[in-house]
N, C-alpha and C. Protein backbone atom coordinates (compact mmCIF):
# COMPACT_ATOMS: atom_id res chain seq x y z
N UNK A 1 243.00 128.66 139.34
CA UNK A 1 242.30 127.65 140.17
C UNK A 1 241.58 128.44 141.29
N UNK A 2 240.34 127.94 141.63
CA UNK A 2 239.55 128.60 142.67
C UNK A 2 239.56 127.75 143.91
N UNK A 3 239.28 128.35 145.09
CA UNK A 3 239.30 127.77 146.33
C UNK A 3 238.08 128.12 147.03
N UNK A 4 237.29 127.17 147.62
CA UNK A 4 236.12 127.56 148.43
C UNK A 4 236.16 126.65 149.61
N UNK A 5 235.52 127.08 150.72
CA UNK A 5 235.53 126.26 151.94
C UNK A 5 234.28 126.59 152.67
N UNK A 6 233.87 125.67 153.58
CA UNK A 6 232.75 125.99 154.44
C UNK A 6 232.85 125.08 155.70
N UNK A 7 232.02 125.40 156.64
CA UNK A 7 232.09 124.73 157.89
C UNK A 7 230.74 124.85 158.69
N UNK A 8 230.39 123.85 159.37
CA UNK A 8 229.11 123.82 160.09
C UNK A 8 229.24 122.97 161.36
N UNK A 9 228.63 123.28 162.48
CA UNK A 9 228.56 122.47 163.59
C UNK A 9 227.33 121.57 163.56
N UNK A 10 227.40 120.33 163.65
CA UNK A 10 226.35 119.36 163.59
C UNK A 10 226.22 118.77 165.01
N UNK A 11 224.94 118.93 165.58
CA UNK A 11 224.76 118.43 166.94
C UNK A 11 224.52 116.97 166.95
N UNK A 12 225.68 116.26 166.82
CA UNK A 12 225.72 114.73 166.91
C UNK A 12 227.22 114.39 167.11
N UNK A 13 227.35 113.13 167.67
CA UNK A 13 228.72 112.67 167.82
C UNK A 13 229.53 112.52 166.57
N UNK A 14 230.81 112.66 166.70
CA UNK A 14 231.78 112.69 165.47
C UNK A 14 231.57 111.37 164.72
N UNK A 15 231.43 110.28 165.39
CA UNK A 15 231.28 108.96 164.75
C UNK A 15 230.07 108.96 163.81
N UNK A 16 228.98 109.51 164.25
CA UNK A 16 227.77 109.40 163.57
C UNK A 16 227.82 110.33 162.28
N UNK A 17 228.43 111.54 162.41
CA UNK A 17 228.59 112.42 161.28
C UNK A 17 229.54 111.90 160.27
N UNK A 18 230.67 111.36 160.78
CA UNK A 18 231.70 110.76 159.86
C UNK A 18 231.08 109.62 159.13
N UNK A 19 230.33 108.66 159.74
CA UNK A 19 229.68 107.56 159.08
C UNK A 19 228.79 108.02 157.97
N UNK A 20 227.97 109.11 158.24
CA UNK A 20 227.19 109.56 157.23
C UNK A 20 227.89 110.14 156.04
N UNK A 21 229.00 110.86 156.28
CA UNK A 21 229.73 111.42 155.19
C UNK A 21 230.43 110.36 154.39
N UNK A 22 230.77 109.26 155.01
CA UNK A 22 231.41 108.13 154.23
C UNK A 22 230.47 107.39 153.33
N UNK A 23 229.14 107.46 153.61
CA UNK A 23 228.15 106.76 152.80
C UNK A 23 227.79 107.65 151.63
N UNK A 24 228.71 107.98 150.80
CA UNK A 24 228.49 108.85 149.67
C UNK A 24 227.36 108.42 148.71
N UNK A 25 227.11 107.11 148.66
CA UNK A 25 226.07 106.67 147.73
C UNK A 25 224.69 107.05 148.13
N UNK A 26 224.57 107.48 149.48
CA UNK A 26 223.28 107.95 149.98
C UNK A 26 223.05 109.45 149.81
N UNK A 27 224.07 110.17 149.44
CA UNK A 27 223.94 111.64 149.26
C UNK A 27 222.76 112.08 148.44
N UNK A 28 222.56 111.50 147.33
CA UNK A 28 221.36 112.00 146.43
C UNK A 28 220.02 111.85 147.09
N UNK A 29 219.94 111.00 148.21
CA UNK A 29 218.64 110.84 148.97
C UNK A 29 218.31 112.19 149.67
N UNK A 30 219.32 112.96 150.07
CA UNK A 30 219.02 114.13 150.83
C UNK A 30 219.81 115.35 150.34
N UNK A 31 220.46 115.27 149.19
CA UNK A 31 221.20 116.47 148.68
C UNK A 31 220.57 116.71 147.22
N UNK A 32 219.73 117.69 147.10
CA UNK A 32 218.99 117.95 145.83
C UNK A 32 219.91 118.29 144.65
N UNK A 33 221.15 118.70 144.88
CA UNK A 33 222.05 119.09 143.80
C UNK A 33 222.73 117.84 143.28
N UNK A 34 222.55 116.71 143.77
CA UNK A 34 223.12 115.50 143.26
C UNK A 34 222.06 114.58 142.61
N UNK A 35 222.22 114.22 141.31
CA UNK A 35 221.33 113.22 140.72
C UNK A 35 221.70 111.88 141.09
N UNK A 36 223.01 111.61 141.15
CA UNK A 36 223.43 110.12 141.51
C UNK A 36 224.86 110.20 141.94
N UNK A 37 225.11 109.12 142.81
CA UNK A 37 226.46 108.78 143.16
C UNK A 37 226.54 107.28 143.25
N UNK A 38 227.37 106.73 142.34
CA UNK A 38 227.52 105.24 142.36
C UNK A 38 228.93 104.81 142.78
N UNK A 39 229.01 104.01 143.81
CA UNK A 39 230.25 103.54 144.29
C UNK A 39 230.76 102.43 143.18
N UNK A 40 231.95 102.74 142.66
CA UNK A 40 232.54 101.82 141.69
C UNK A 40 233.53 100.75 142.35
N UNK A 41 234.17 101.23 143.41
CA UNK A 41 235.23 100.43 144.09
C UNK A 41 235.33 100.87 145.56
N UNK A 42 235.47 99.89 146.45
CA UNK A 42 235.87 100.20 147.86
C UNK A 42 237.01 99.22 148.28
N UNK A 43 238.06 99.79 148.81
CA UNK A 43 239.09 98.87 149.27
C UNK A 43 239.84 99.71 150.31
N UNK A 44 240.19 98.98 151.43
CA UNK A 44 240.85 99.59 152.62
C UNK A 44 240.19 100.95 152.90
N UNK A 45 240.83 102.04 152.80
CA UNK A 45 240.36 103.30 153.20
C UNK A 45 239.93 104.13 151.92
N UNK A 46 239.88 103.47 150.79
CA UNK A 46 239.54 104.23 149.50
C UNK A 46 238.23 103.92 149.01
N UNK A 47 237.62 104.91 148.38
CA UNK A 47 236.31 104.75 147.74
C UNK A 47 236.49 105.44 146.41
N UNK A 48 236.06 104.74 145.29
CA UNK A 48 235.95 105.43 144.07
C UNK A 48 234.48 105.42 143.64
N UNK A 49 234.03 106.62 143.23
CA UNK A 49 232.64 106.68 142.91
C UNK A 49 232.29 107.65 141.73
N UNK A 50 231.20 107.44 141.02
CA UNK A 50 230.87 108.20 139.88
C UNK A 50 229.74 109.13 140.31
N UNK A 51 229.88 110.35 140.03
CA UNK A 51 228.97 111.46 140.54
C UNK A 51 228.33 112.23 139.36
N UNK A 52 227.08 112.41 139.52
CA UNK A 52 226.34 113.33 138.54
C UNK A 52 225.61 114.40 139.40
N UNK A 53 226.22 115.58 139.23
CA UNK A 53 225.63 116.71 139.94
C UNK A 53 224.94 117.77 139.04
N UNK A 54 224.06 118.54 139.62
CA UNK A 54 223.21 119.47 138.94
C UNK A 54 223.66 120.87 139.40
N UNK A 55 224.14 121.70 138.36
CA UNK A 55 224.43 123.01 138.65
C UNK A 55 223.68 124.01 137.63
N UNK A 56 222.81 124.78 138.16
CA UNK A 56 222.03 125.71 137.27
C UNK A 56 221.33 124.88 136.13
N UNK A 57 220.79 123.74 136.50
CA UNK A 57 220.07 122.95 135.48
C UNK A 57 220.93 122.12 134.60
N UNK A 58 222.25 122.26 134.69
CA UNK A 58 223.19 121.45 133.82
C UNK A 58 223.80 120.33 134.55
N UNK A 59 224.12 119.25 133.96
CA UNK A 59 224.75 118.15 134.60
C UNK A 59 226.27 118.23 134.60
N UNK A 60 226.95 118.00 135.65
CA UNK A 60 228.33 117.80 135.72
C UNK A 60 228.66 116.39 136.15
N UNK A 61 229.56 115.76 135.50
CA UNK A 61 229.88 114.35 135.74
C UNK A 61 231.29 114.22 136.08
N UNK A 62 231.63 113.34 137.02
CA UNK A 62 233.02 113.11 137.44
C UNK A 62 233.19 111.81 138.18
N UNK A 63 234.37 111.15 138.12
CA UNK A 63 234.70 110.05 138.92
C UNK A 63 235.68 110.55 139.94
N UNK A 64 235.40 110.21 141.21
CA UNK A 64 236.04 110.75 142.44
C UNK A 64 236.70 109.70 143.20
N UNK A 65 237.98 109.91 143.65
CA UNK A 65 238.58 108.96 144.59
C UNK A 65 238.70 109.67 145.92
N UNK A 66 238.10 108.92 147.00
CA UNK A 66 238.23 109.42 148.35
C UNK A 66 239.22 108.55 149.15
N UNK A 67 240.07 109.22 149.98
CA UNK A 67 240.93 108.43 150.93
C UNK A 67 240.53 108.88 152.28
N UNK A 68 239.94 107.88 153.01
CA UNK A 68 239.32 108.21 154.33
C UNK A 68 240.41 107.80 155.41
N UNK A 69 240.64 108.72 156.33
CA UNK A 69 241.48 108.55 157.50
C UNK A 69 240.62 108.37 158.69
N UNK A 70 240.26 107.09 159.06
CA UNK A 70 239.31 106.85 160.04
C UNK A 70 239.79 107.41 161.40
N UNK A 71 241.09 107.18 161.69
CA UNK A 71 241.68 107.63 162.97
C UNK A 71 241.67 109.12 163.17
N UNK A 72 241.91 109.83 162.07
CA UNK A 72 241.99 111.26 162.11
C UNK A 72 240.67 111.96 161.66
N UNK A 73 239.63 111.21 161.34
CA UNK A 73 238.36 111.76 160.94
C UNK A 73 238.56 112.87 159.92
N UNK A 74 239.04 112.30 158.75
CA UNK A 74 239.39 113.19 157.61
C UNK A 74 239.29 112.37 156.32
N UNK A 75 239.05 113.14 155.27
CA UNK A 75 238.85 112.50 153.94
C UNK A 75 239.56 113.50 152.94
N UNK A 76 240.43 112.93 152.09
CA UNK A 76 240.94 113.71 151.05
C UNK A 76 240.31 113.15 149.73
N UNK A 77 239.96 114.01 148.80
CA UNK A 77 239.26 113.52 147.56
C UNK A 77 239.83 114.26 146.38
N UNK A 78 239.76 113.53 145.28
CA UNK A 78 240.25 114.18 143.99
C UNK A 78 239.49 113.57 142.87
N UNK A 79 239.29 114.34 141.81
CA UNK A 79 238.69 113.87 140.51
C UNK A 79 239.66 113.05 139.84
N UNK A 80 239.27 111.79 139.42
CA UNK A 80 240.08 110.90 138.59
C UNK A 80 239.89 111.30 137.05
N UNK A 81 238.63 111.53 136.74
CA UNK A 81 238.25 111.92 135.39
C UNK A 81 236.94 112.66 135.45
N UNK A 82 236.63 113.45 134.48
CA UNK A 82 235.38 114.14 134.45
C UNK A 82 235.38 115.58 133.91
N UNK A 83 234.30 116.31 134.15
CA UNK A 83 234.12 117.58 133.60
C UNK A 83 234.95 118.73 134.15
N UNK A 84 235.58 118.53 135.25
CA UNK A 84 236.47 119.53 135.88
C UNK A 84 237.85 119.32 135.38
N UNK A 85 238.58 120.39 135.12
CA UNK A 85 240.01 120.30 134.76
C UNK A 85 240.83 119.83 136.02
N UNK A 86 240.30 120.37 137.20
CA UNK A 86 240.95 119.90 138.48
C UNK A 86 239.84 120.04 139.53
N UNK A 87 239.71 119.07 140.38
CA UNK A 87 238.72 119.06 141.44
C UNK A 87 239.35 118.17 142.60
N UNK A 88 239.59 118.87 143.72
CA UNK A 88 240.20 118.09 144.87
C UNK A 88 239.88 118.86 146.14
N UNK A 89 240.00 118.10 147.25
CA UNK A 89 239.70 118.79 148.51
C UNK A 89 239.89 117.91 149.71
N UNK A 90 239.29 118.39 150.86
CA UNK A 90 239.40 117.67 152.06
C UNK A 90 238.16 117.95 152.90
N UNK A 91 237.68 116.89 153.52
CA UNK A 91 236.70 117.00 154.56
C UNK A 91 237.43 116.73 155.83
N UNK A 92 237.03 117.51 156.87
CA UNK A 92 237.54 117.40 158.22
C UNK A 92 236.41 117.38 159.21
N UNK A 93 236.58 116.50 160.21
CA UNK A 93 235.60 116.33 161.33
C UNK A 93 236.27 116.54 162.64
N UNK A 94 235.77 117.41 163.52
CA UNK A 94 236.37 117.61 164.83
C UNK A 94 235.24 117.66 165.95
N UNK A 95 235.45 116.89 166.97
CA UNK A 95 234.47 116.88 168.08
C UNK A 95 234.54 118.22 168.77
N UNK A 96 233.38 118.84 169.13
CA UNK A 96 233.26 120.12 169.85
C UNK A 96 232.22 119.79 170.94
N UNK A 97 232.19 120.71 171.95
CA UNK A 97 231.16 120.61 172.97
C UNK A 97 229.76 120.57 172.42
N UNK A 98 229.55 121.25 171.26
CA UNK A 98 228.21 121.28 170.70
C UNK A 98 227.92 120.13 169.76
N UNK A 99 228.83 119.35 169.41
CA UNK A 99 228.71 118.25 168.47
C UNK A 99 229.95 118.06 167.65
N UNK A 100 229.77 118.14 166.28
CA UNK A 100 230.95 117.90 165.41
C UNK A 100 231.07 119.05 164.43
N UNK A 101 232.23 119.67 164.37
CA UNK A 101 232.49 120.66 163.37
C UNK A 101 232.87 119.94 162.08
N UNK A 102 232.16 120.11 161.08
CA UNK A 102 232.33 119.53 159.73
C UNK A 102 232.79 120.59 158.73
N UNK A 103 233.95 120.44 158.15
CA UNK A 103 234.51 121.40 157.25
C UNK A 103 234.90 120.77 155.99
N UNK A 104 234.70 121.47 154.91
CA UNK A 104 235.00 121.04 153.62
C UNK A 104 235.80 122.20 152.91
N UNK A 105 236.98 121.79 152.25
CA UNK A 105 237.69 122.73 151.42
C UNK A 105 237.80 122.08 150.00
N UNK A 106 237.52 122.89 149.00
CA UNK A 106 237.62 122.37 147.63
C UNK A 106 238.47 123.36 146.74
N UNK A 107 239.35 122.77 146.02
CA UNK A 107 240.11 123.47 145.00
C UNK A 107 239.65 122.99 143.64
N UNK A 108 239.19 123.80 142.69
CA UNK A 108 238.71 123.39 141.57
C UNK A 108 239.09 124.38 140.35
N UNK A 109 239.04 123.73 139.19
CA UNK A 109 239.20 124.48 137.98
C UNK A 109 238.33 123.71 136.87
N UNK A 110 237.72 124.53 136.08
CA UNK A 110 236.84 124.00 134.99
C UNK A 110 237.15 124.87 133.80
N UNK A 111 237.56 124.30 132.68
CA UNK A 111 237.84 125.00 131.48
C UNK A 111 236.62 125.23 130.67
N UNK A 112 236.33 126.59 130.44
CA UNK A 112 235.33 126.98 129.63
C UNK A 112 235.95 127.89 128.63
N UNK A 113 235.83 127.59 127.34
CA UNK A 113 236.45 128.44 126.38
C UNK A 113 235.97 129.93 126.53
N UNK A 114 236.83 130.92 126.52
CA UNK A 114 236.55 132.33 126.55
C UNK A 114 235.84 132.74 127.86
N UNK A 115 236.03 131.87 128.89
CA UNK A 115 235.50 132.27 130.15
C UNK A 115 236.37 133.34 130.77
N UNK A 116 235.78 134.49 131.08
CA UNK A 116 236.49 135.59 131.71
C UNK A 116 236.35 135.61 133.20
N UNK A 117 236.82 136.71 133.86
CA UNK A 117 236.70 136.89 135.26
C UNK A 117 235.24 136.81 135.79
N UNK A 118 234.29 137.29 135.01
CA UNK A 118 232.85 137.20 135.46
C UNK A 118 232.40 135.74 135.63
N UNK A 119 232.63 134.97 134.56
CA UNK A 119 232.30 133.55 134.61
C UNK A 119 233.02 132.89 135.75
N UNK A 120 234.26 133.12 135.93
CA UNK A 120 235.08 132.52 136.94
C UNK A 120 234.44 132.87 138.29
N UNK A 121 234.09 134.09 138.51
CA UNK A 121 233.48 134.51 139.81
C UNK A 121 232.17 133.82 139.97
N UNK A 122 231.51 133.64 138.99
CA UNK A 122 230.10 132.98 139.09
C UNK A 122 230.29 131.55 139.47
N UNK A 123 231.23 130.82 138.83
CA UNK A 123 231.57 129.48 139.15
C UNK A 123 232.01 129.39 140.63
N UNK A 124 232.82 130.21 141.13
CA UNK A 124 233.26 130.23 142.53
C UNK A 124 232.04 130.38 143.41
N UNK A 125 231.12 131.24 143.11
CA UNK A 125 229.96 131.51 143.92
C UNK A 125 229.08 130.26 143.92
N UNK A 126 228.85 129.67 142.67
CA UNK A 126 228.12 128.43 142.67
C UNK A 126 228.71 127.32 143.47
N UNK A 127 230.07 127.13 143.37
CA UNK A 127 230.75 126.11 144.10
C UNK A 127 230.66 126.35 145.56
N UNK A 128 230.70 127.61 146.01
CA UNK A 128 230.62 127.91 147.49
C UNK A 128 229.20 127.54 147.97
N UNK A 129 228.17 127.90 147.16
CA UNK A 129 226.83 127.60 147.50
C UNK A 129 226.66 126.09 147.59
N UNK A 130 227.27 125.39 146.68
CA UNK A 130 227.21 123.80 146.69
C UNK A 130 227.77 123.30 147.91
N UNK A 131 228.93 123.80 148.40
CA UNK A 131 229.65 123.35 149.62
C UNK A 131 228.72 123.58 150.85
N UNK A 132 228.23 124.82 150.87
CA UNK A 132 227.27 125.09 152.01
C UNK A 132 226.03 124.26 151.95
N UNK A 133 225.44 124.04 150.84
CA UNK A 133 224.30 123.14 150.65
C UNK A 133 224.61 121.76 151.12
N UNK A 134 225.73 121.17 150.75
CA UNK A 134 226.14 119.87 151.16
C UNK A 134 226.27 119.74 152.70
N UNK A 135 226.93 120.85 153.31
CA UNK A 135 227.09 120.75 154.75
C UNK A 135 225.73 120.91 155.49
N UNK A 136 224.84 121.79 154.91
CA UNK A 136 223.47 121.86 155.58
C UNK A 136 222.72 120.65 155.40
N UNK A 137 222.80 119.99 154.33
CA UNK A 137 222.09 118.74 154.02
C UNK A 137 222.51 117.64 155.06
N UNK A 138 223.84 117.58 155.26
CA UNK A 138 224.33 116.63 156.28
C UNK A 138 223.75 116.95 157.64
N UNK A 139 223.87 118.25 158.03
CA UNK A 139 223.36 118.68 159.30
C UNK A 139 221.84 118.39 159.45
N UNK A 140 221.08 118.74 158.42
CA UNK A 140 219.67 118.49 158.56
C UNK A 140 219.30 116.95 158.52
N UNK A 141 220.07 116.09 157.80
CA UNK A 141 219.82 114.73 157.81
C UNK A 141 219.98 114.07 159.19
N UNK A 142 220.90 114.56 159.97
CA UNK A 142 221.19 114.13 161.29
C UNK A 142 220.34 114.77 162.31
N UNK A 143 220.19 116.03 162.26
CA UNK A 143 219.46 116.78 163.31
C UNK A 143 217.93 116.68 163.14
N UNK A 144 217.49 116.55 161.92
CA UNK A 144 216.10 116.44 161.61
C UNK A 144 215.77 115.23 160.80
N UNK A 145 215.89 114.07 161.43
CA UNK A 145 215.65 112.81 160.71
C UNK A 145 214.21 112.83 160.21
N UNK A 146 214.01 112.11 159.06
CA UNK A 146 212.63 111.94 158.46
C UNK A 146 211.70 111.31 159.49
N UNK A 147 210.48 111.84 159.53
CA UNK A 147 209.55 111.27 160.52
C UNK A 147 209.14 109.86 160.15
N UNK A 148 208.87 109.06 161.18
CA UNK A 148 208.51 107.75 160.97
C UNK A 148 207.18 107.62 160.34
N UNK A 149 206.96 106.68 159.43
CA UNK A 149 205.63 106.54 158.84
C UNK A 149 204.58 106.28 159.91
N UNK A 150 203.35 106.78 159.70
CA UNK A 150 202.25 106.48 160.63
C UNK A 150 201.81 104.96 160.40
N UNK A 151 201.40 104.31 161.42
CA UNK A 151 200.93 102.99 161.32
C UNK A 151 199.73 102.95 160.37
N UNK A 152 199.62 101.86 159.60
CA UNK A 152 198.48 101.75 158.73
C UNK A 152 197.21 101.66 159.54
N UNK A 153 196.10 102.19 158.94
CA UNK A 153 194.87 102.13 159.49
C UNK A 153 194.58 103.21 160.52
N UNK A 154 195.52 104.17 160.76
CA UNK A 154 195.32 105.21 161.70
C UNK A 154 195.18 106.52 160.91
N UNK A 155 194.72 107.55 161.58
CA UNK A 155 194.65 108.81 160.93
C UNK A 155 193.58 109.11 160.24
C-alpha cells in the first residue's frame, strides 16, 4: 500500500475553505483531473458520491464515502467500490494567522497484474501530483475567484 500527503495554506477563513471542500459535486468545475462527481446520498455528516477521475488519459471510477466532522474541521473518506483495491484518507483543516492550512493524506492500493516496483513508484508519483493539484485547485478557487462577466453592451 502507498501513502501520499500534501498541505497548503489558503488565504481564507477556515469556514469558507471547509465549505468548499464539502461541496464535492463542484470539484469538476475547477479540478481538471476530475470528469465528474455525483452525490448519491447525503445524511447527517456522511456523503456518498460517485467519482470519475482522469489519470494519464485513463478513467478511474469509484464510489466514495465521506464522514465530515464539522466541529473538528476534518473529513475521513474511503472507497466503497471501484477501481482501487484500497483508497482511503483524511482531509484536515486548521486556522492559521495566514488563513487555513488544508492537508490531505491518502492511502491507496491498486491491483495491476505484473506491476513491479517501477509501476508502483509511478502510481505513487501520480497520486502525489493529484493530491497537490487538488489542493492548489481549492486554493486558486478561493484566492482567485473567476472574474465577474462584463455588462452587456460594453466593451
